[in-house]
Amino acid sequence: MLSGAAVLVAVASLLPAVYLLLREGFSYRLLAEQLSAPSTLPLVWNTIQLLVLVGLSCVILGVGLAVVVTRTNVVFPTMWVVLFTLPLGVPAFVGSYTWVAASYRLMPTSTFIYGLRGAWIVLTLALFPYVFLPTVVALRGLDPAQEEVARSLGDSTLRAFMKVTLPQLRVAIAGGSLIISLHLLAEYGALQMLRFETLTTAVVARATVLGSPEAARALAVLLAVGAVGVVALDRLLRGPSSSAKVGASVSRVSMQWRLGAIRWLLLAVCIAVVVLSLGVPLYATLLGLWGYVGSGGATVDWSLLVHSVANTARYGLLAAVGATVVALPVSMISVRYPGPVATLSERATWVAHALPGVIVALSLVYVSVRWAYPLYQTSYLLVIAYVIMFLPLAIAAQQVGVAQASSSLEEISRSLGDGPWRTFRRVTLPLLLPAAATGAVFVALDVGKELTTTLLLRPTGQHTLATALWSTTEGEVLDFTAAAPYGVALIIIGAIPATVLARRTLRS
């Protein structure tokens, strides 16, 4: 039964990819034409550059900061964990719009923030917490005995860390990097605002502005292939298993590195990261809000603002609950019963996560109009899209919980006469809940930041904070003042689940 449920989830997740290949108007001749078009190679190269630069930068920054707050005597480590998590609450397109606004105010004629350079900076600052958080959890859970043995054999502290500890962080780093890579493959709003064209921005442009959905689907096939390649590379980097000893049995705390005066340099680095990742968005957004108030902001459409906040919270909650429930069979089978079915089911969910929101939206519109018309133009269809897109985030979090829930406890429960369902409800589920809650928070965070899918699938007259903000910043002309109230609300709404994630990390 578990395998059947996992297969159903995988089939539903592959719906957008199937739509790409089977929709009328698509042909392999058209795909070949798009692949050989002169404009395609620069798009592919831009996408690869972005993946490599942002991915490596996030790994270096995320792992480095995790080591600083867990292994050194830098001041206020708990505070830094919270502050380094909060960028997750700032949508990438909000971060890009605030960086553009700040750049315009400081250097009105400068193009510094546009193009690859701007995308590299903004997206690194927005996404590094995806590596930072799991690395902090892994470092706090590792048994320090192995590192101590290496030092007793003559290795320096740094050499012991590089030889013994760093390899045990491979799974945490690879998992965070996978999420970042697939985020980058699907990112549209930030890149559009920063004027950097990738495969995703080209897909959205062809599907909407240029009126060429067939060409859009052909380019989206490249994205799907890229997603499969990224997932395969992730599995290769993870290796067959991890040698880390993690869990409740590890009670000793690793020795901190006493760094002396250099800790003040690390403190300066921490402050710089917070200023760039949080200070700039807050400064530009609050400055815009101040300008809004000063220019007659009393005319703000409060009903639209409240309506957008309520919808953002409602959709986030529904999608988080839905993704948590749907992810259970995949996370259970992938950890408890690994095999071809488990592997294919898990990887299928990642493909949809990497596709542009416009493709996911168009596939669901196509299906609903043909076979489920009552769902068309309803909130239910939008929530289904969110679940399909962000399901891997729930699965990845739940897999950690399932792995830490010892199967021997389930065997004892079964030996005492409990059936599978009763064992799951009484033994596995309580142990799984913390990890499942973390996954739900990740889903809710991403729902609040999702733009293109929401624009296409929202019921008529409905807004979220993301769409309300985007409606004031469309095209090449950005109305920073009008966008400010929605930007402030988005940051506040996003800060709540981000703070919850930080607190859960500190309790891990």
Protein backbone atom coordinates (compact mmCIF):
# COMPACT_ATOMS: atom_id res chain seq x y z
CA MET A 1 0.00 0.00 0.00
CA LEU A 2 2.85 2.37 0.84
CA SER A 3 4.50 1.72 -2.53
CA GLY A 4 1.23 2.33 -4.35
CA ALA A 5 0.71 5.65 -2.59
CA ALA A 6 4.29 6.72 -3.38
CA VAL A 7 3.81 5.84 -7.06
CA LEU A 8 0.58 7.89 -7.19
CA VAL A 9 2.43 10.87 -5.71
CA ALA A 10 5.21 10.45 -8.28
CA VAL A 11 2.74 10.29 -11.17
CA ALA A 12 1.01 13.47 -9.99
CA SER A 13 4.38 15.20 -9.62
CA LEU A 14 5.34 14.30 -13.19
CA LEU A 15 2.15 15.83 -14.60
CA PRO A 16 3.88 19.10 -15.67
CA ALA A 17 6.70 17.17 -17.36
CA VAL A 18 4.21 14.93 -19.18
CA TYR A 19 2.34 18.06 -20.28
CA LEU A 20 5.54 19.33 -21.89
CA LEU A 21 5.89 16.25 -24.07
CA LEU A 22 2.29 15.29 -24.89
CA ARG A 23 0.50 18.63 -25.30
CA GLU A 24 -0.74 19.37 -28.82
CA GLY A 25 1.62 21.61 -30.73
CA PHE A 26 4.76 20.08 -29.30
CA SER A 27 7.01 18.09 -31.58
CA TYR A 28 10.54 16.81 -31.42
CA ARG A 29 11.24 18.80 -34.59
CA LEU A 30 10.33 21.97 -32.71
CA LEU A 31 12.49 20.84 -29.81
CA ALA A 32 15.43 20.34 -32.17
CA GLU A 33 14.84 23.79 -33.70
CA GLN A 34 14.85 25.44 -30.28
CA LEU A 35 17.98 23.58 -29.21
CA SER A 36 19.82 24.65 -32.36
CA ALA A 37 18.57 28.25 -32.30
CA PRO A 38 21.34 30.87 -31.87
CA SER A 39 19.60 32.31 -28.79
CA THR A 40 19.49 29.00 -26.89
CA LEU A 41 23.19 28.50 -26.18
CA PRO A 42 23.58 31.87 -24.38
CA LEU A 43 20.52 31.02 -22.26
CA VAL A 44 22.01 27.65 -21.31
CA TRP A 45 25.38 29.24 -20.55
CA ASN A 46 23.77 31.94 -18.39
CA THR A 47 21.85 29.29 -16.47
CA ILE A 48 24.98 27.18 -15.90
CA GLN A 49 26.99 30.21 -14.75
CA LEU A 50 24.28 31.14 -12.27
CA LEU A 51 24.06 27.59 -10.91
CA VAL A 52 27.82 27.29 -10.41
CA LEU A 53 28.48 30.76 -8.99
CA VAL A 54 25.51 30.94 -6.64
CA GLY A 55 25.79 27.27 -5.64
CA LEU A 56 29.48 27.48 -4.71
CA SER A 57 29.02 30.83 -2.97
CA CYS A 58 26.14 29.49 -0.89
CA VAL A 59 28.15 26.42 0.13
CA ILE A 60 31.19 28.49 1.13
CA LEU A 61 29.12 31.10 2.97
CA GLY A 62 26.66 28.65 4.54
CA VAL A 63 29.25 26.15 5.76
CA GLY A 64 31.62 28.89 6.90
CA LEU A 65 28.98 30.66 8.96
CA ALA A 66 27.74 27.35 10.40
CA VAL A 67 31.27 26.56 11.59
CA VAL A 68 31.62 30.05 13.06
CA VAL A 69 28.44 29.84 15.15
CA THR A 70 28.92 26.22 16.30
CA ARG A 71 32.69 25.74 16.65
CA THR A 72 34.20 29.13 17.51
CA ASN A 73 33.97 31.50 20.46
CA VAL A 74 32.39 34.27 18.39
CA VAL A 75 30.09 36.40 20.56
CA PHE A 76 26.28 35.88 20.55
CA PRO A 77 26.19 32.62 18.51
CA THR A 78 22.48 32.06 19.18
CA MET A 79 21.60 35.49 17.85
CA TRP A 80 23.59 34.88 14.69
CA VAL A 81 21.75 31.61 14.00
CA VAL A 82 18.44 33.50 14.06
CA LEU A 83 19.73 36.39 11.94
CA PHE A 84 21.32 34.08 9.35
CA THR A 85 18.00 32.23 9.01
CA LEU A 86 15.83 35.31 8.48
CA PRO A 87 16.85 35.87 4.81
CA LEU A 88 14.64 32.86 4.04
CA GLY A 89 11.72 35.13 4.88
CA VAL A 90 12.70 37.68 2.21
CA PRO A 91 11.50 36.56 -1.25
CA ALA A 92 14.25 36.71 -3.86
CA PHE A 93 12.27 39.10 -6.05
CA VAL A 94 11.72 41.38 -3.05
CA GLY A 95 15.44 41.26 -2.33
CA SER A 96 16.18 42.11 -5.95
CA TYR A 97 13.73 45.01 -6.02
CA THR A 98 15.21 46.43 -2.80
CA TRP A 99 18.76 46.11 -4.13
CA VAL A 100 17.72 47.87 -7.34
CA ALA A 101 16.00 50.59 -5.28
CA ALA A 102 19.04 51.07 -3.02
CA SER A 103 21.37 51.12 -6.02
CA TYR A 104 19.22 53.71 -7.77
CA ARG A 105 19.21 55.98 -4.71
CA LEU A 106 22.97 55.74 -4.19
CA MET A 107 24.09 55.59 -7.85
CA PRO A 108 21.19 56.61 -10.14
CA THR A 109 23.12 55.97 -13.36
CA SER A 110 24.92 52.80 -12.29
CA THR A 111 24.16 49.38 -13.79
CA PHE A 112 26.24 47.55 -11.17
CA ILE A 113 23.34 45.53 -9.76
CA TYR A 114 22.05 44.31 -13.13
CA GLY A 115 23.08 41.20 -15.03
CA LEU A 116 25.01 38.18 -13.79
CA ARG A 117 26.85 40.14 -11.08
CA GLY A 118 23.65 41.37 -9.47
CA ALA A 119 21.94 37.98 -9.75
CA TRP A 120 24.99 36.33 -8.15
CA ILE A 121 24.98 38.74 -5.19
CA VAL A 122 21.23 38.89 -4.56
CA LEU A 123 20.50 35.16 -4.93
CA THR A 124 23.51 34.12 -2.84
CA LEU A 125 22.32 36.35 -0.01
CA ALA A 126 18.77 35.01 -0.37
CA LEU A 127 19.57 31.28 -0.58
CA PHE A 128 22.64 30.58 1.60
CA PRO A 129 20.45 29.67 4.64
CA TYR A 130 19.44 26.48 2.82
CA VAL A 131 23.03 25.28 3.35
CA PHE A 132 23.60 27.06 6.66
CA LEU A 133 20.67 25.48 8.55
CA PRO A 134 21.27 21.77 7.80
CA THR A 135 25.01 22.25 8.35
CA VAL A 136 24.37 23.75 11.80
CA VAL A 137 22.12 20.80 12.65
CA ALA A 138 24.73 18.32 11.41
CA LEU A 139 27.59 19.98 13.30
CA ARG A 140 25.59 20.06 16.53
CA GLY A 141 24.75 16.36 16.17
CA LEU A 142 28.17 14.94 15.30
CA ASP A 143 30.06 12.83 17.82
CA PRO A 144 33.22 14.81 18.72
CA ALA A 145 35.14 11.64 19.64
CA GLN A 146 36.34 11.04 16.07
CA GLU A 147 37.79 14.53 15.77
CA GLU A 148 39.46 14.16 19.17
CA VAL A 149 41.09 10.90 18.05
CA ALA A 150 42.48 12.64 14.96
CA ARG A 151 43.97 15.41 17.10
CA SER A 152 45.47 12.86 19.48
CA LEU A 153 47.26 11.33 16.48
CA GLY A 154 49.00 14.62 15.75
CA ASP A 155 46.59 16.44 13.43
CA SER A 156 46.01 20.14 14.02
CA THR A 157 42.50 21.33 14.88
CA LEU A 158 41.91 22.57 11.34
CA ARG A 159 43.36 19.44 9.72
CA ALA A 160 41.26 17.19 11.97
CA PHE A 161 38.15 19.14 11.01
CA MET A 162 38.93 18.89 7.29
CA LYS A 163 39.76 15.16 7.44
CA VAL A 164 37.12 13.91 9.86
CA THR A 165 34.26 16.39 10.27
CA LEU A 166 33.86 17.95 6.84
CA PRO A 167 33.23 14.62 5.03
CA GLN A 168 30.44 13.90 7.53
CA LEU A 169 28.73 17.14 6.48
CA ARG A 170 28.43 15.88 2.91
CA VAL A 171 24.76 14.93 3.16
CA ALA A 172 23.74 18.23 4.76
CA ILE A 173 25.69 20.28 2.23
CA ALA A 174 24.45 18.24 -0.74
CA GLY A 175 20.84 18.49 0.42
CA GLY A 176 21.01 22.26 0.80
CA SER A 177 22.81 22.62 -2.53
CA LEU A 178 20.13 20.56 -4.27
CA ILE A 179 17.37 22.84 -3.00
CA ILE A 180 19.35 25.91 -4.05
CA SER A 181 20.09 24.55 -7.54
CA LEU A 182 16.46 23.70 -8.21
CA HIS A 183 15.36 27.07 -6.85
CA LEU A 184 17.71 28.72 -9.32
CA LEU A 185 16.40 26.65 -12.22
CA ALA A 186 12.85 27.81 -11.42
CA GLU A 187 13.60 31.44 -10.42
CA TYR A 188 11.88 34.11 -12.49
CA GLY A 189 10.90 37.26 -10.57
CA ALA A 190 14.34 38.19 -9.24
CA LEU A 191 16.10 37.49 -12.54
CA GLN A 192 13.53 39.46 -14.50
CA MET A 193 14.01 42.43 -12.19
CA LEU A 194 17.80 42.15 -12.39
CA ARG A 195 17.64 41.87 -16.20
CA PHE A 196 19.49 38.59 -16.40
CA GLU A 197 18.04 36.17 -18.94
CA THR A 198 18.11 32.43 -18.26
CA LEU A 199 16.17 29.47 -19.59
CA THR A 200 13.41 30.17 -17.07
CA THR A 201 12.93 33.83 -17.97
CA ALA A 202 12.93 32.84 -21.64
CA VAL A 203 10.28 30.17 -21.01
CA VAL A 204 8.02 32.64 -19.20
CA ALA A 205 8.53 35.30 -21.89
CA ARG A 206 7.67 32.89 -24.70
CA ALA A 207 4.64 31.51 -22.84
CA THR A 208 3.17 34.90 -21.92
CA VAL A 209 4.56 38.02 -23.60
CA LEU A 210 5.69 36.56 -26.94
CA GLY A 211 2.72 34.23 -27.35
CA SER A 212 4.76 31.17 -28.29
CA PRO A 213 3.77 28.42 -25.84
CA GLU A 214 5.18 25.67 -28.07
CA ALA A 215 8.64 27.24 -27.98
CA ALA A 216 8.27 27.75 -24.23
CA ARG A 217 7.53 24.06 -23.70
CA ALA A 218 10.51 23.09 -25.85
CA LEU A 219 12.86 25.19 -23.70
CA ALA A 220 11.21 23.86 -20.54
CA VAL A 221 12.22 20.34 -21.60
CA LEU A 222 15.82 21.53 -21.20
CA LEU A 223 15.00 22.64 -17.67
CA ALA A 224 13.47 19.26 -16.87
CA VAL A 225 16.60 17.52 -18.17
CA GLY A 226 18.69 19.91 -16.10
CA ALA A 227 16.66 19.04 -13.00
CA VAL A 228 17.26 15.33 -13.54
CA GLY A 229 20.97 16.01 -13.95
CA VAL A 230 21.11 18.08 -10.76
CA VAL A 231 19.33 15.35 -8.77
CA ALA A 232 21.68 12.70 -10.18
CA LEU A 233 24.71 14.83 -9.25
CA ASP A 234 23.30 15.26 -5.75
CA ARG A 235 23.07 11.49 -5.29
CA LEU A 236 26.65 11.12 -6.54
CA LEU A 237 27.94 13.73 -4.09
CA ARG A 238 26.07 12.18 -1.17
CA GLY A 239 27.73 8.81 -1.74
CA PRO A 240 26.34 5.48 -0.61
CA SER A 241 26.00 6.43 3.03
CA SER A 242 27.07 8.82 5.71
CA SER A 243 29.41 7.91 8.52
CA ALA A 244 28.09 10.53 10.89
CA LYS A 245 26.89 9.45 14.25
CA VAL A 246 23.80 11.49 14.93
CA GLY A 247 20.85 11.32 17.24
CA ALA A 248 19.90 11.27 20.84
CA SER A 249 22.80 9.04 21.80
CA VAL A 250 25.24 11.87 21.13
CA SER A 251 25.24 14.06 24.22
CA ARG A 252 28.76 15.52 24.26
CA VAL A 253 29.39 18.99 22.89
CA SER A 254 32.28 19.53 20.47
CA MET A 255 35.18 21.60 21.74
CA GLN A 256 35.07 25.25 20.66
CA TRP A 257 38.00 26.82 18.88
CA ARG A 258 39.44 29.67 20.96
CA LEU A 259 40.39 32.13 18.24
CA GLY A 260 41.66 35.10 20.21
CA ALA A 261 41.66 38.41 18.36
CA ILE A 262 40.57 36.84 15.06
CA ARG A 263 37.08 36.34 16.45
CA TRP A 264 36.53 40.08 16.06
CA LEU A 265 37.25 39.74 12.36
CA LEU A 266 34.67 36.93 12.23
CA LEU A 267 32.24 39.18 14.07
CA ALA A 268 32.75 41.82 11.38
CA VAL A 269 32.04 39.20 8.70
CA CYS A 270 28.83 38.16 10.49
CA ILE A 271 27.70 41.78 10.72
CA ALA A 272 28.46 42.34 7.02
CA VAL A 273 26.40 39.29 5.99
CA VAL A 274 23.43 40.45 8.07
CA VAL A 275 23.67 44.00 6.72
CA LEU A 276 23.75 42.80 3.11
CA SER A 277 21.13 40.03 3.40
CA LEU A 278 18.71 41.78 5.79
CA GLY A 279 19.81 45.39 6.18
CA VAL A 280 19.58 46.34 2.51
CA PRO A 281 16.08 44.86 1.99
CA LEU A 282 14.81 46.43 5.22
CA TYR A 283 16.45 49.79 4.49
CA ALA A 284 15.10 50.06 0.95
CA THR A 285 11.64 48.79 1.89
CA LEU A 286 11.26 51.07 4.91
CA LEU A 287 12.61 53.99 2.90
CA GLY A 288 9.98 53.30 0.28
CA LEU A 289 7.32 53.06 2.98
CA TRP A 290 8.45 56.39 4.41
CA GLY A 291 8.18 57.92 0.95
CA TYR A 292 4.74 56.38 0.57
CA VAL A 293 3.54 57.96 3.81
CA GLY A 294 5.12 61.28 2.91
CA SER A 295 3.45 61.34 -0.50
CA GLY A 296 -0.05 60.76 0.80
CA GLY A 297 0.19 57.15 1.86
CA ALA A 298 -3.07 57.53 3.75
CA THR A 299 -4.68 56.50 0.46
CA VAL A 300 -3.19 53.01 0.73
CA ASP A 301 -5.71 50.34 -0.18
CA TRP A 302 -5.86 48.75 3.27
CA SER A 303 -8.54 46.29 2.19
CA LEU A 304 -6.24 44.95 -0.56
CA LEU A 305 -3.33 44.75 1.88
CA VAL A 306 -5.35 42.86 4.50
CA HIS A 307 -6.88 40.64 1.80
CA SER A 308 -3.40 39.83 0.44
CA VAL A 309 -2.01 39.03 3.89
CA ALA A 310 -4.96 36.74 4.66
CA ASN A 311 -4.64 34.91 1.34
CA THR A 312 -0.88 34.48 1.72
CA ALA A 313 -1.33 32.95 5.17
CA ARG A 314 -4.27 30.79 4.07
CA TYR A 315 -2.59 29.38 0.98
CA GLY A 316 0.64 28.80 2.90
CA LEU A 317 -1.16 26.86 5.63
CA LEU A 318 -3.21 24.74 3.22
CA ALA A 319 -0.21 23.91 1.03
CA ALA A 320 1.96 23.11 4.05
CA VAL A 321 -0.62 20.68 5.43
CA GLY A 322 -1.25 19.14 2.01
CA ALA A 323 2.43 18.69 1.20
CA THR A 324 3.14 17.22 4.64
CA VAL A 325 0.45 14.56 4.23
CA VAL A 326 1.28 13.75 0.60
CA ALA A 327 5.01 13.51 1.36
CA LEU A 328 4.59 10.81 4.02
CA PRO A 329 4.49 7.71 1.75
CA VAL A 330 7.47 8.91 -0.32
CA SER A 331 9.62 9.79 2.70
CA MET A 332 8.71 6.53 4.45
CA ILE A 333 9.42 4.24 1.51
CA SER A 334 12.63 6.04 0.49
CA VAL A 335 14.15 5.53 3.97
CA ARG A 336 12.55 2.30 5.19
CA TYR A 337 12.34 0.36 1.91
CA PRO A 338 14.98 1.73 -0.51
CA GLY A 339 14.83 0.37 -4.01
CA PRO A 340 13.95 1.32 -7.59
CA VAL A 341 10.35 2.31 -6.76
CA ALA A 342 11.47 4.46 -3.84
CA THR A 343 14.27 6.10 -5.82
CA LEU A 344 12.11 6.90 -8.86
CA SER A 345 9.25 8.17 -6.70
CA GLU A 346 11.52 10.55 -4.84
CA ARG A 347 13.33 11.84 -7.92
CA ALA A 348 10.07 12.39 -9.79
CA THR A 349 9.01 14.96 -7.21
CA TRP A 350 12.17 17.00 -7.75
CA VAL A 351 11.53 17.43 -11.49
CA ALA A 352 8.41 19.53 -10.92
CA HIS A 353 10.25 21.60 -8.33
CA ALA A 354 12.75 22.74 -10.97
CA LEU A 355 10.23 23.65 -13.68
CA PRO A 356 9.16 27.29 -14.04
CA GLY A 357 5.90 28.07 -12.30
CA VAL A 358 4.33 29.00 -15.62
CA ILE A 359 4.73 25.41 -16.89
CA VAL A 360 3.23 23.93 -13.74
CA ALA A 361 0.36 26.39 -13.97
CA LEU A 362 -0.34 25.76 -17.67
CA SER A 363 -0.29 21.99 -17.16
CA LEU A 364 -2.88 22.23 -14.37
CA VAL A 365 -5.03 24.61 -16.42
CA TYR A 366 -4.94 22.12 -19.29
CA VAL A 367 -5.91 19.19 -17.05
CA SER A 368 -8.62 21.08 -15.16
CA VAL A 369 -10.28 22.48 -18.29
CA ARG A 370 -10.39 19.06 -19.94
CA TRP A 371 -11.10 16.69 -17.07
CA ALA A 372 -11.78 18.61 -13.86
CA TYR A 373 -13.50 21.83 -14.87
CA PRO A 374 -15.00 22.55 -11.40
CA LEU A 375 -11.41 23.06 -10.17
CA TYR A 376 -10.62 25.67 -12.83
CA GLN A 377 -10.08 29.19 -11.45
CA THR A 378 -10.41 28.02 -7.84
CA SER A 379 -8.16 28.22 -4.81
CA TYR A 380 -8.07 24.41 -4.74
CA LEU A 381 -6.20 24.26 -8.06
CA LEU A 382 -3.70 26.85 -6.82
CA VAL A 383 -3.05 24.86 -3.64
CA ILE A 384 -2.58 21.68 -5.70
CA ALA A 385 0.05 23.51 -7.75
CA TYR A 386 1.83 24.60 -4.58
CA VAL A 387 1.84 21.04 -3.26
CA ILE A 388 3.31 19.67 -6.51
CA MET A 389 5.99 22.38 -6.65
CA PHE A 390 7.11 22.32 -3.01
CA LEU A 391 6.55 18.67 -2.14
CA PRO A 392 10.31 17.87 -2.21
CA LEU A 393 10.91 20.31 0.65
CA ALA A 394 8.51 18.34 2.85
CA ILE A 395 9.98 15.01 1.72
CA ALA A 396 13.58 16.06 2.42
CA ALA A 397 12.71 17.19 5.95
CA GLN A 398 10.64 14.09 6.71
CA GLN A 399 13.41 11.76 5.53
CA VAL A 400 15.61 13.07 8.34
CA GLY A 401 12.87 12.33 10.88
CA VAL A 402 12.19 8.84 9.50
CA ALA A 403 15.91 8.03 9.54
CA GLN A 404 16.18 9.09 13.19
CA ALA A 405 13.07 7.09 14.21
CA SER A 406 14.64 3.70 14.92
CA SER A 407 12.97 0.87 13.04
CA SER A 408 13.56 -1.37 16.07
CA LEU A 409 10.89 0.59 17.96
CA GLU A 410 8.41 -0.20 15.19
CA GLU A 411 9.39 -3.87 15.32
CA ILE A 412 8.80 -3.97 19.08
CA SER A 413 5.38 -2.39 18.61
CA ARG A 414 4.47 -4.95 15.94
CA SER A 415 5.68 -7.80 18.16
CA LEU A 416 3.30 -6.58 20.87
CA GLY A 417 0.34 -7.03 18.55
CA ASP A 418 -0.05 -3.57 17.02
CA GLY A 419 -0.91 -3.43 13.34
CA PRO A 420 0.93 -1.25 10.78
CA TRP A 421 -1.42 1.73 11.14
CA ARG A 422 -1.44 1.64 14.95
CA THR A 423 2.35 1.31 15.01
CA PHE A 424 2.72 4.28 12.69
CA ARG A 425 0.29 6.39 14.74
CA ARG A 426 1.72 5.51 18.16
CA VAL A 427 5.43 5.08 17.43
CA THR A 428 6.61 6.53 14.12
CA LEU A 429 4.43 9.62 13.84
CA PRO A 430 5.40 11.19 17.20
CA LEU A 431 9.09 10.76 16.31
CA LEU A 432 8.49 12.12 12.81
CA LEU A 433 6.46 15.20 13.81
CA PRO A 434 9.37 17.60 14.52
CA ALA A 435 10.96 16.95 11.12
CA ALA A 436 7.56 17.08 9.40
CA ALA A 437 6.87 20.44 11.07
CA THR A 438 10.17 21.76 9.74
CA GLY A 439 9.22 20.65 6.23
CA ALA A 440 5.82 22.31 6.58
CA VAL A 441 7.50 25.58 7.53
CA PHE A 442 9.75 25.35 4.46
CA VAL A 443 6.69 24.84 2.25
CA ALA A 444 4.78 27.74 3.82
CA LEU A 445 7.82 29.99 3.32
CA ASP A 446 8.10 29.16 -0.37
CA VAL A 447 4.36 29.51 -0.97
CA GLY A 448 4.52 33.07 0.34
CA LYS A 449 7.31 33.82 -2.15
CA GLU A 450 5.85 32.08 -5.22
CA LEU A 451 4.92 34.51 -7.97
CA THR A 452 4.39 33.15 -11.49
CA THR A 453 2.16 30.21 -10.55
CA THR A 454 0.05 32.46 -8.35
CA LEU A 455 -0.32 35.06 -11.10
CA LEU A 456 -1.66 32.45 -13.53
CA LEU A 457 -3.80 30.24 -11.26
CA ARG A 458 -5.27 32.62 -8.66
CA PRO A 459 -9.04 33.02 -8.80
CA THR A 460 -10.19 36.23 -10.44
CA GLY A 461 -9.89 39.16 -8.05
CA GLN A 462 -7.71 37.28 -5.57
CA HIS A 463 -4.28 38.56 -4.53
CA THR A 464 -1.39 37.41 -2.40
CA LEU A 465 1.32 39.73 -1.12
CA ALA A 466 3.62 38.54 -3.90
CA THR A 467 1.15 39.35 -6.69
CA ALA A 468 0.10 42.64 -5.08
CA LEU A 469 3.73 43.74 -4.90
CA TRP A 470 4.47 42.53 -8.42
CA SER A 471 1.52 44.49 -9.81
CA THR A 472 3.31 47.69 -8.73
CA THR A 473 6.67 46.68 -10.21
CA GLU A 474 5.80 45.25 -13.62
CA GLY A 475 7.88 46.01 -16.63
CA GLU A 476 11.03 48.11 -16.65
CA VAL A 477 9.59 50.88 -14.45
CA LEU A 478 9.66 49.98 -10.75
CA ASP A 479 7.37 51.94 -8.44
CA PHE A 480 9.30 51.38 -5.21
CA THR A 481 7.06 53.68 -3.19
CA ALA A 482 3.81 51.93 -4.13
CA ALA A 483 5.39 48.51 -3.58
CA ALA A 484 6.70 49.36 -0.10
CA PRO A 485 3.62 48.42 2.01
CA TYR A 486 3.45 44.98 0.39
CA GLY A 487 7.22 44.50 0.68
CA VAL A 488 7.13 45.27 4.40
CA ALA A 489 4.20 42.90 4.92
CA LEU A 490 5.95 40.13 2.95
CA ILE A 491 9.11 40.46 5.01
CA ILE A 492 7.14 40.39 8.28
CA ILE A 493 5.05 37.39 7.20
CA GLY A 494 8.18 35.55 6.03
CA ALA A 495 10.10 36.37 9.21
CA ILE A 496 7.62 34.41 11.36
CA PRO A 497 8.25 30.91 9.89
CA ALA A 498 11.94 31.76 9.41
CA THR A 499 12.21 32.48 13.14
CA VAL A 500 10.43 29.20 13.89
CA LEU A 501 13.03 27.40 11.75
CA ALA A 502 15.86 29.09 13.62
CA ARG A 503 14.40 28.11 17.00
CA ARG A 504 13.98 24.51 15.85
CA THR A 505 17.58 24.49 14.68
CA LEU A 506 18.78 25.74 18.06
CA ARG A 507 16.79 22.99 19.81
CA SER A 508 18.12 20.26 17.50
